[in-house]
């Protein structure tokens, strides 16, 4: 089967029921997407599929078809993704860092769909688990980015 990952088409020789996470990590050696729980609960494995945040640990590769898959390895090629990473650094979000690739992917998806999220929007979407408890810093970084988007809109 063929999968488009980070803009590159890959021929995948895997059982259609194989979770995308294992194809990314084991077959393609893209280890930025992390294994956490294997149950789609923690969010460490979050990738973007057609712009939507999806848990790759429970997403069978056989169901992806022509989907556009983006991993943390390419997120800075996306303007919003690049800004999310910069805001994460500016707000010193990462502590241990294990969950952060999934957090960045979820935040990028949120900001693409809702450029000016409210606290309720952030709480509803940013449900990935963080053992270090960086939720306040994550929220501050997202609000900072929403403010940047508002300033750019005002300039246009």
N, C-alpha and C. Protein backbone atom coordinates (compact mmCIF):
# COMPACT_ATOMS: atom_id res chain seq x y z
N UNK A 1 0.84 -1.19 0.00
CA UNK A 1 0.00 0.00 0.00
C UNK A 1 0.88 1.24 0.00
N UNK A 2 0.30 2.35 -0.45
CA UNK A 2 1.02 3.61 -0.52
C UNK A 2 0.44 4.57 0.52
N UNK A 3 1.34 5.24 1.25
CA UNK A 3 0.93 6.26 2.21
C UNK A 3 1.72 7.53 1.93
N UNK A 4 1.04 8.68 2.04
CA UNK A 4 1.73 9.96 1.88
C UNK A 4 1.97 10.52 3.27
N UNK A 5 3.25 10.55 3.64
CA UNK A 5 3.66 10.99 4.97
C UNK A 5 4.65 12.14 4.80
N UNK A 6 4.32 13.26 5.38
CA UNK A 6 5.16 14.46 5.29
C UNK A 6 5.44 14.84 3.84
N UNK A 7 4.44 14.66 2.99
CA UNK A 7 4.55 15.04 1.59
C UNK A 7 5.29 14.06 0.71
N UNK A 8 5.73 12.94 1.27
CA UNK A 8 6.47 11.94 0.52
C UNK A 8 5.66 10.66 0.47
N UNK A 9 5.57 10.08 -0.72
CA UNK A 9 4.83 8.83 -0.85
C UNK A 9 5.75 7.67 -0.47
N UNK A 10 5.24 6.79 0.41
CA UNK A 10 5.99 5.63 0.88
C UNK A 10 5.22 4.36 0.52
N UNK A 11 5.95 3.37 0.03
CA UNK A 11 5.36 2.05 -0.17
C UNK A 11 5.51 1.31 1.15
N UNK A 12 4.39 0.88 1.71
CA UNK A 12 4.36 0.22 3.00
C UNK A 12 3.99 -1.24 2.80
N UNK A 13 4.82 -2.11 3.34
CA UNK A 13 4.54 -3.54 3.28
C UNK A 13 4.14 -3.97 4.69
N UNK A 14 2.89 -3.69 5.05
CA UNK A 14 2.40 -4.01 6.39
C UNK A 14 0.97 -4.54 6.29
N UNK A 15 0.60 -5.32 7.26
CA UNK A 15 -0.78 -5.79 7.36
C UNK A 15 -1.69 -4.56 7.48
N UNK A 16 -2.82 -4.52 6.80
CA UNK A 16 -3.72 -3.37 6.86
C UNK A 16 -4.19 -3.02 8.28
N UNK A 17 -4.16 -3.98 9.19
CA UNK A 17 -4.57 -3.71 10.58
C UNK A 17 -3.45 -3.13 11.44
N UNK A 18 -2.25 -3.03 10.90
CA UNK A 18 -1.11 -2.50 11.67
C UNK A 18 -1.36 -1.05 12.01
N UNK A 19 -1.20 -0.67 13.28
CA UNK A 19 -1.36 0.74 13.64
C UNK A 19 -0.32 1.63 12.95
N UNK A 20 -0.74 2.78 12.52
CA UNK A 20 0.14 3.75 11.87
C UNK A 20 1.38 4.02 12.73
N UNK A 21 1.24 4.09 14.02
CA UNK A 21 2.37 4.37 14.91
C UNK A 21 3.53 3.43 14.64
N UNK A 22 3.24 2.14 14.49
CA UNK A 22 4.32 1.17 14.31
C UNK A 22 4.93 1.26 12.92
N UNK A 23 4.15 1.63 11.93
CA UNK A 23 4.71 1.85 10.60
C UNK A 23 5.65 3.05 10.65
N UNK A 24 5.22 4.12 11.30
CA UNK A 24 6.07 5.32 11.41
C UNK A 24 7.37 4.99 12.13
N UNK A 25 7.26 4.40 13.31
CA UNK A 25 8.42 4.18 14.15
C UNK A 25 9.31 3.03 13.67
N UNK A 26 8.72 1.89 13.39
CA UNK A 26 9.51 0.70 13.08
C UNK A 26 9.91 0.61 11.62
N UNK A 27 8.98 0.87 10.72
CA UNK A 27 9.28 0.71 9.30
C UNK A 27 9.98 1.94 8.71
N UNK A 28 9.51 3.13 9.07
CA UNK A 28 10.06 4.36 8.48
C UNK A 28 11.06 5.08 9.37
N UNK A 29 11.27 4.59 10.59
CA UNK A 29 12.25 5.13 11.54
C UNK A 29 11.98 6.59 11.89
N UNK A 30 10.71 6.99 11.87
CA UNK A 30 10.29 8.33 12.30
C UNK A 30 9.90 8.21 13.78
N UNK A 31 10.85 8.43 14.65
CA UNK A 31 10.63 8.14 16.07
C UNK A 31 10.16 9.34 16.89
N UNK A 32 9.84 10.44 16.24
CA UNK A 32 9.32 11.60 16.96
C UNK A 32 7.93 11.35 17.52
N UNK A 33 7.15 10.55 16.84
CA UNK A 33 5.82 10.17 17.31
C UNK A 33 6.01 9.08 18.35
N UNK A 34 5.52 9.29 19.55
CA UNK A 34 5.82 8.41 20.68
C UNK A 34 4.71 7.42 20.98
N UNK A 35 5.12 6.28 21.52
CA UNK A 35 4.17 5.31 22.07
C UNK A 35 3.96 5.69 23.53
N UNK A 36 2.69 5.78 23.92
CA UNK A 36 2.38 6.08 25.31
C UNK A 36 1.59 4.95 25.93
N UNK A 37 0.32 4.89 25.59
CA UNK A 37 -0.57 3.92 26.23
C UNK A 37 -1.05 2.82 25.29
N UNK A 38 -1.07 3.09 23.99
CA UNK A 38 -1.58 2.11 23.04
C UNK A 38 -3.09 2.01 22.99
N UNK A 39 -3.77 2.90 23.72
CA UNK A 39 -5.23 2.86 23.82
C UNK A 39 -5.90 4.15 23.37
N UNK A 40 -5.15 5.03 22.74
CA UNK A 40 -5.66 6.33 22.28
C UNK A 40 -6.11 7.22 23.42
N UNK A 41 -5.52 7.05 24.58
CA UNK A 41 -5.91 7.85 25.74
C UNK A 41 -4.93 8.99 26.04
N UNK A 42 -3.63 8.75 25.88
CA UNK A 42 -2.65 9.73 26.35
C UNK A 42 -2.29 10.79 25.32
N UNK A 43 -2.32 10.47 24.04
CA UNK A 43 -2.03 11.43 22.99
C UNK A 43 -0.59 11.56 22.58
N UNK A 44 0.33 10.79 23.17
CA UNK A 44 1.74 10.88 22.79
C UNK A 44 1.96 10.53 21.32
N UNK A 45 1.05 9.76 20.75
CA UNK A 45 1.18 9.27 19.37
C UNK A 45 0.45 10.15 18.35
N UNK A 46 0.01 11.32 18.74
CA UNK A 46 -0.80 12.16 17.87
C UNK A 46 -0.04 12.61 16.62
N UNK A 47 -0.69 12.44 15.47
CA UNK A 47 -0.21 12.94 14.19
C UNK A 47 -1.38 13.70 13.55
N UNK A 48 -1.11 14.37 12.46
CA UNK A 48 -2.18 15.02 11.71
C UNK A 48 -2.51 14.16 10.50
N UNK A 49 -3.79 13.88 10.33
CA UNK A 49 -4.27 13.19 9.14
C UNK A 49 -5.28 14.12 8.50
N UNK A 50 -4.92 14.59 7.31
CA UNK A 50 -5.71 15.61 6.61
C UNK A 50 -5.99 16.80 7.51
N UNK A 51 -4.98 17.17 8.32
CA UNK A 51 -5.07 18.34 9.19
C UNK A 51 -5.71 18.11 10.54
N UNK A 52 -6.26 16.94 10.76
CA UNK A 52 -6.92 16.64 12.03
C UNK A 52 -6.01 15.83 12.94
N UNK A 53 -6.01 16.16 14.23
CA UNK A 53 -5.22 15.42 15.21
C UNK A 53 -5.84 14.04 15.40
N UNK A 54 -5.02 13.00 15.20
CA UNK A 54 -5.47 11.61 15.26
C UNK A 54 -4.45 10.80 16.07
N UNK A 55 -4.95 9.86 16.85
CA UNK A 55 -4.08 8.97 17.64
C UNK A 55 -3.60 7.84 16.73
N UNK A 56 -2.33 7.85 16.43
CA UNK A 56 -1.79 6.87 15.48
C UNK A 56 -1.69 5.46 16.05
N UNK A 57 -1.75 5.31 17.36
CA UNK A 57 -1.60 3.97 17.96
C UNK A 57 -2.81 3.09 17.70
N UNK A 58 -3.93 3.66 17.31
CA UNK A 58 -5.15 2.88 17.04
C UNK A 58 -5.68 3.11 15.63
N UNK A 59 -4.88 3.72 14.78
CA UNK A 59 -5.29 4.01 13.41
C UNK A 59 -4.67 3.00 12.46
N UNK A 60 -5.48 2.06 11.94
CA UNK A 60 -4.94 1.04 11.03
C UNK A 60 -4.50 1.67 9.71
N UNK A 61 -3.32 1.29 9.25
CA UNK A 61 -2.80 1.87 8.01
C UNK A 61 -3.69 1.54 6.82
N UNK A 62 -4.40 0.43 6.88
CA UNK A 62 -5.27 0.04 5.78
C UNK A 62 -6.45 0.97 5.57
N UNK A 63 -6.75 1.80 6.55
CA UNK A 63 -7.89 2.73 6.44
C UNK A 63 -7.47 4.12 5.97
N UNK A 64 -6.19 4.34 5.70
CA UNK A 64 -5.71 5.70 5.42
C UNK A 64 -5.83 6.10 3.96
N UNK A 65 -5.74 5.17 3.05
CA UNK A 65 -5.89 5.49 1.63
C UNK A 65 -5.00 6.62 1.19
N UNK A 66 -5.62 7.66 0.61
CA UNK A 66 -4.88 8.79 0.07
C UNK A 66 -4.71 9.92 1.07
N UNK A 67 -4.89 9.64 2.34
CA UNK A 67 -4.79 10.69 3.37
C UNK A 67 -3.40 11.33 3.39
N UNK A 68 -3.37 12.59 3.76
CA UNK A 68 -2.12 13.31 3.94
C UNK A 68 -1.76 13.23 5.42
N UNK A 69 -0.66 12.58 5.74
CA UNK A 69 -0.23 12.36 7.12
C UNK A 69 0.95 13.28 7.40
N UNK A 70 0.88 14.00 8.51
CA UNK A 70 1.97 14.86 8.93
C UNK A 70 2.42 14.43 10.32
N UNK A 71 3.72 14.27 10.48
CA UNK A 71 4.29 13.90 11.77
C UNK A 71 5.07 15.08 12.34
N UNK A 72 5.51 14.93 13.57
CA UNK A 72 6.28 15.98 14.23
C UNK A 72 7.56 16.30 13.46
N UNK A 73 8.09 15.34 12.73
CA UNK A 73 9.33 15.58 11.98
C UNK A 73 9.17 16.70 10.95
N UNK A 74 7.95 16.93 10.48
CA UNK A 74 7.72 17.94 9.44
C UNK A 74 6.88 19.11 9.91
N UNK A 75 6.51 19.16 11.16
CA UNK A 75 5.54 20.17 11.59
C UNK A 75 6.06 21.60 11.40
N UNK A 76 7.34 21.80 11.45
CA UNK A 76 7.86 23.15 11.27
C UNK A 76 7.87 23.60 9.81
N UNK A 77 7.51 22.71 8.90
CA UNK A 77 7.34 23.10 7.50
C UNK A 77 5.99 23.78 7.30
N UNK A 78 5.11 23.63 8.28
CA UNK A 78 3.80 24.27 8.30
C UNK A 78 3.93 25.57 9.09
N UNK A 79 3.42 26.68 8.56
CA UNK A 79 3.57 27.97 9.22
C UNK A 79 3.02 27.95 10.66
N UNK A 80 1.84 27.39 10.83
CA UNK A 80 1.26 27.35 12.18
C UNK A 80 2.07 26.40 13.06
N UNK A 81 2.46 25.26 12.54
CA UNK A 81 3.28 24.33 13.30
C UNK A 81 4.58 24.96 13.76
N UNK A 82 5.21 25.71 12.89
CA UNK A 82 6.46 26.40 13.22
C UNK A 82 6.22 27.41 14.36
N UNK A 83 5.11 28.11 14.29
CA UNK A 83 4.79 29.07 15.35
C UNK A 83 4.48 28.38 16.67
N UNK A 84 3.84 27.21 16.60
CA UNK A 84 3.55 26.45 17.82
C UNK A 84 4.86 26.05 18.49
N UNK A 85 5.79 25.52 17.72
CA UNK A 85 7.08 25.12 18.29
C UNK A 85 7.78 26.32 18.92
N UNK A 86 7.77 27.46 18.25
CA UNK A 86 8.41 28.66 18.80
C UNK A 86 7.72 29.11 20.10
N UNK A 87 6.40 29.03 20.13
CA UNK A 87 5.67 29.41 21.35
C UNK A 87 5.97 28.43 22.48
N UNK A 88 6.10 27.16 22.15
CA UNK A 88 6.44 26.15 23.16
C UNK A 88 7.78 26.48 23.81
N UNK A 89 8.74 26.91 22.98
CA UNK A 89 10.06 27.29 23.49
C UNK A 89 9.97 28.57 24.30
N UNK A 90 9.27 29.56 23.77
CA UNK A 90 9.13 30.85 24.44
C UNK A 90 8.48 30.70 25.81
N UNK A 91 7.51 29.82 25.92
CA UNK A 91 6.79 29.62 27.19
C UNK A 91 7.37 28.48 28.02
N UNK A 92 8.48 27.93 27.56
CA UNK A 92 9.18 26.84 28.26
C UNK A 92 8.21 25.71 28.64
N UNK A 93 7.41 25.30 27.66
CA UNK A 93 6.42 24.25 27.89
C UNK A 93 7.06 22.90 28.21
N UNK A 94 8.02 22.42 27.40
CA UNK A 94 8.52 21.06 27.65
C UNK A 94 9.24 20.94 28.99
N UNK A 95 8.93 19.90 29.69
CA UNK A 95 9.68 19.53 30.89
C UNK A 95 10.47 18.28 30.52
N UNK A 96 9.89 17.10 30.72
CA UNK A 96 10.60 15.88 30.28
C UNK A 96 10.54 15.78 28.76
N UNK A 97 9.48 16.29 28.15
CA UNK A 97 9.36 16.34 26.70
C UNK A 97 8.69 15.15 26.03
N UNK A 98 8.46 14.08 26.76
CA UNK A 98 7.96 12.86 26.12
C UNK A 98 6.63 13.09 25.39
N UNK A 99 5.72 13.82 25.99
CA UNK A 99 4.39 14.01 25.40
C UNK A 99 4.35 15.16 24.40
N UNK A 100 5.42 15.93 24.32
CA UNK A 100 5.34 17.19 23.61
C UNK A 100 5.13 17.08 22.11
N UNK A 101 5.61 16.04 21.47
CA UNK A 101 5.32 15.95 20.03
C UNK A 101 3.82 15.83 19.80
N UNK A 102 3.14 15.04 20.62
CA UNK A 102 1.69 14.92 20.52
C UNK A 102 0.99 16.22 20.88
N UNK A 103 1.50 16.91 21.88
CA UNK A 103 0.91 18.20 22.29
C UNK A 103 1.03 19.22 21.16
N UNK A 104 2.20 19.29 20.54
CA UNK A 104 2.42 20.23 19.44
C UNK A 104 1.49 19.92 18.27
N UNK A 105 1.32 18.64 17.97
CA UNK A 105 0.44 18.25 16.87
C UNK A 105 -1.01 18.64 17.17
N UNK A 106 -1.46 18.39 18.40
CA UNK A 106 -2.83 18.74 18.79
C UNK A 106 -3.04 20.25 18.74
N UNK A 107 -2.06 21.01 19.23
CA UNK A 107 -2.19 22.47 19.23
C UNK A 107 -2.19 23.02 17.81
N UNK A 108 -1.37 22.44 16.94
CA UNK A 108 -1.35 22.88 15.55
C UNK A 108 -2.71 22.65 14.89
N UNK A 109 -3.27 21.48 15.11
CA UNK A 109 -4.59 21.18 14.56
C UNK A 109 -5.64 22.14 15.10
N UNK A 110 -5.61 22.38 16.40
CA UNK A 110 -6.56 23.31 17.02
C UNK A 110 -6.47 24.69 16.37
N UNK A 111 -5.26 25.22 16.25
CA UNK A 111 -5.09 26.57 15.73
C UNK A 111 -5.40 26.68 14.24
N UNK A 112 -5.26 25.59 13.51
CA UNK A 112 -5.65 25.60 12.10
C UNK A 112 -7.17 25.69 11.97
N UNK A 113 -7.87 25.03 12.88
CA UNK A 113 -9.33 25.00 12.82
C UNK A 113 -9.98 26.15 13.57
N UNK A 114 -9.31 26.62 14.63
CA UNK A 114 -9.85 27.69 15.47
C UNK A 114 -8.71 28.66 15.79
N UNK A 115 -8.48 29.65 14.94
CA UNK A 115 -7.33 30.54 15.13
C UNK A 115 -7.35 31.35 16.43
N UNK A 116 -8.54 31.55 16.98
CA UNK A 116 -8.66 32.34 18.21
C UNK A 116 -9.42 31.52 19.25
N UNK A 117 -8.81 30.44 19.76
CA UNK A 117 -9.54 29.57 20.68
C UNK A 117 -9.78 30.21 22.04
N UNK A 118 -10.91 29.89 22.61
CA UNK A 118 -11.23 30.31 23.98
C UNK A 118 -10.62 29.28 24.95
N UNK A 119 -10.70 29.59 26.23
CA UNK A 119 -10.25 28.61 27.23
C UNK A 119 -11.03 27.31 27.08
N UNK A 120 -12.32 27.41 26.82
CA UNK A 120 -13.14 26.20 26.65
C UNK A 120 -12.69 25.40 25.42
N UNK A 121 -12.35 26.10 24.32
CA UNK A 121 -11.86 25.41 23.13
C UNK A 121 -10.56 24.67 23.44
N UNK A 122 -9.67 25.33 24.15
CA UNK A 122 -8.38 24.72 24.49
C UNK A 122 -8.59 23.51 25.38
N UNK A 123 -9.43 23.64 26.40
CA UNK A 123 -9.69 22.52 27.30
C UNK A 123 -10.34 21.34 26.56
N UNK A 124 -11.19 21.64 25.60
CA UNK A 124 -11.89 20.58 24.86
C UNK A 124 -10.95 19.81 23.93
N UNK A 125 -9.96 20.48 23.38
CA UNK A 125 -9.10 19.86 22.38
C UNK A 125 -7.78 19.37 22.96
N UNK A 126 -7.22 20.11 23.86
CA UNK A 126 -5.89 19.76 24.40
C UNK A 126 -6.05 18.78 25.55
N UNK A 127 -6.40 17.55 25.20
CA UNK A 127 -6.68 16.53 26.20
C UNK A 127 -5.54 15.51 26.32
N UNK A 128 -4.44 15.75 25.61
CA UNK A 128 -3.29 14.85 25.75
C UNK A 128 -2.77 14.93 27.18
N UNK A 129 -2.31 13.81 27.68
CA UNK A 129 -1.80 13.75 29.05
C UNK A 129 -0.35 14.23 29.11
N UNK A 130 -0.03 14.90 30.21
CA UNK A 130 1.33 15.38 30.46
C UNK A 130 1.68 15.05 31.90
N UNK A 131 2.60 14.13 32.08
CA UNK A 131 3.01 13.74 33.43
C UNK A 131 3.61 14.91 34.21
N UNK A 132 4.22 15.84 33.51
CA UNK A 132 4.88 16.97 34.17
C UNK A 132 3.90 18.10 34.51
N UNK A 133 2.68 18.01 34.01
CA UNK A 133 1.66 19.00 34.35
C UNK A 133 1.89 20.36 33.71
N UNK A 134 2.29 20.40 32.47
CA UNK A 134 2.58 21.68 31.80
C UNK A 134 1.34 22.32 31.18
N UNK A 135 0.18 21.94 31.65
CA UNK A 135 -1.07 22.41 31.02
C UNK A 135 -1.22 23.93 31.03
N UNK A 136 -0.81 24.61 32.10
CA UNK A 136 -0.92 26.06 32.14
C UNK A 136 0.00 26.71 31.11
N UNK A 137 1.20 26.17 30.97
CA UNK A 137 2.13 26.71 29.96
C UNK A 137 1.61 26.43 28.55
N UNK A 138 1.02 25.28 28.34
CA UNK A 138 0.43 24.96 27.04
C UNK A 138 -0.68 25.96 26.70
N UNK A 139 -1.55 26.20 27.65
CA UNK A 139 -2.65 27.14 27.43
C UNK A 139 -2.10 28.54 27.16
N UNK A 140 -1.10 28.96 27.91
CA UNK A 140 -0.51 30.29 27.71
C UNK A 140 0.11 30.40 26.31
N UNK A 141 0.80 29.35 25.88
CA UNK A 141 1.41 29.37 24.55
C UNK A 141 0.35 29.47 23.46
N UNK A 142 -0.74 28.73 23.61
CA UNK A 142 -1.82 28.78 22.62
C UNK A 142 -2.48 30.15 22.60
N UNK A 143 -2.73 30.72 23.76
CA UNK A 143 -3.30 32.08 23.81
C UNK A 143 -2.36 33.10 23.18
N UNK A 144 -1.07 32.93 23.41
CA UNK A 144 -0.07 33.81 22.81
C UNK A 144 -0.17 33.73 21.28
N UNK A 145 -0.27 32.52 20.76
CA UNK A 145 -0.40 32.35 19.31
C UNK A 145 -1.70 32.93 18.78
N UNK A 146 -2.77 32.78 19.52
CA UNK A 146 -4.05 33.36 19.10
C UNK A 146 -3.95 34.88 19.04
N UNK A 147 -3.20 35.46 19.97
CA UNK A 147 -2.97 36.91 19.97
C UNK A 147 -2.18 37.35 18.75
N UNK A 148 -1.16 36.55 18.39
CA UNK A 148 -0.38 36.85 17.19
C UNK A 148 -1.27 36.82 15.95
N UNK A 149 -2.14 35.83 15.88
CA UNK A 149 -3.05 35.71 14.72
C UNK A 149 -3.97 36.91 14.65
N UNK A 150 -4.46 37.37 15.81
CA UNK A 150 -5.34 38.54 15.83
C UNK A 150 -4.61 39.79 15.37
N UNK A 151 -3.35 39.94 15.81
CA UNK A 151 -2.55 41.10 15.39
C UNK A 151 -2.31 41.09 13.88
N UNK A 152 -2.01 39.91 13.33
CA UNK A 152 -1.78 39.82 11.89
C UNK A 152 -3.05 40.12 11.12
N UNK A 153 -4.20 39.65 11.62
CA UNK A 153 -5.46 39.94 10.97
C UNK A 153 -5.78 41.42 10.98
N UNK A 154 -5.43 42.11 12.05
CA UNK A 154 -5.67 43.54 12.15
C UNK A 154 -4.79 44.33 11.16
N UNK A 155 -3.59 43.81 10.88
CA UNK A 155 -2.68 44.49 9.96
C UNK A 155 -3.15 44.41 8.52
N UNK A 156 -3.95 43.36 8.21
CA UNK A 156 -4.34 43.15 6.81
C UNK A 156 -5.49 43.95 6.43
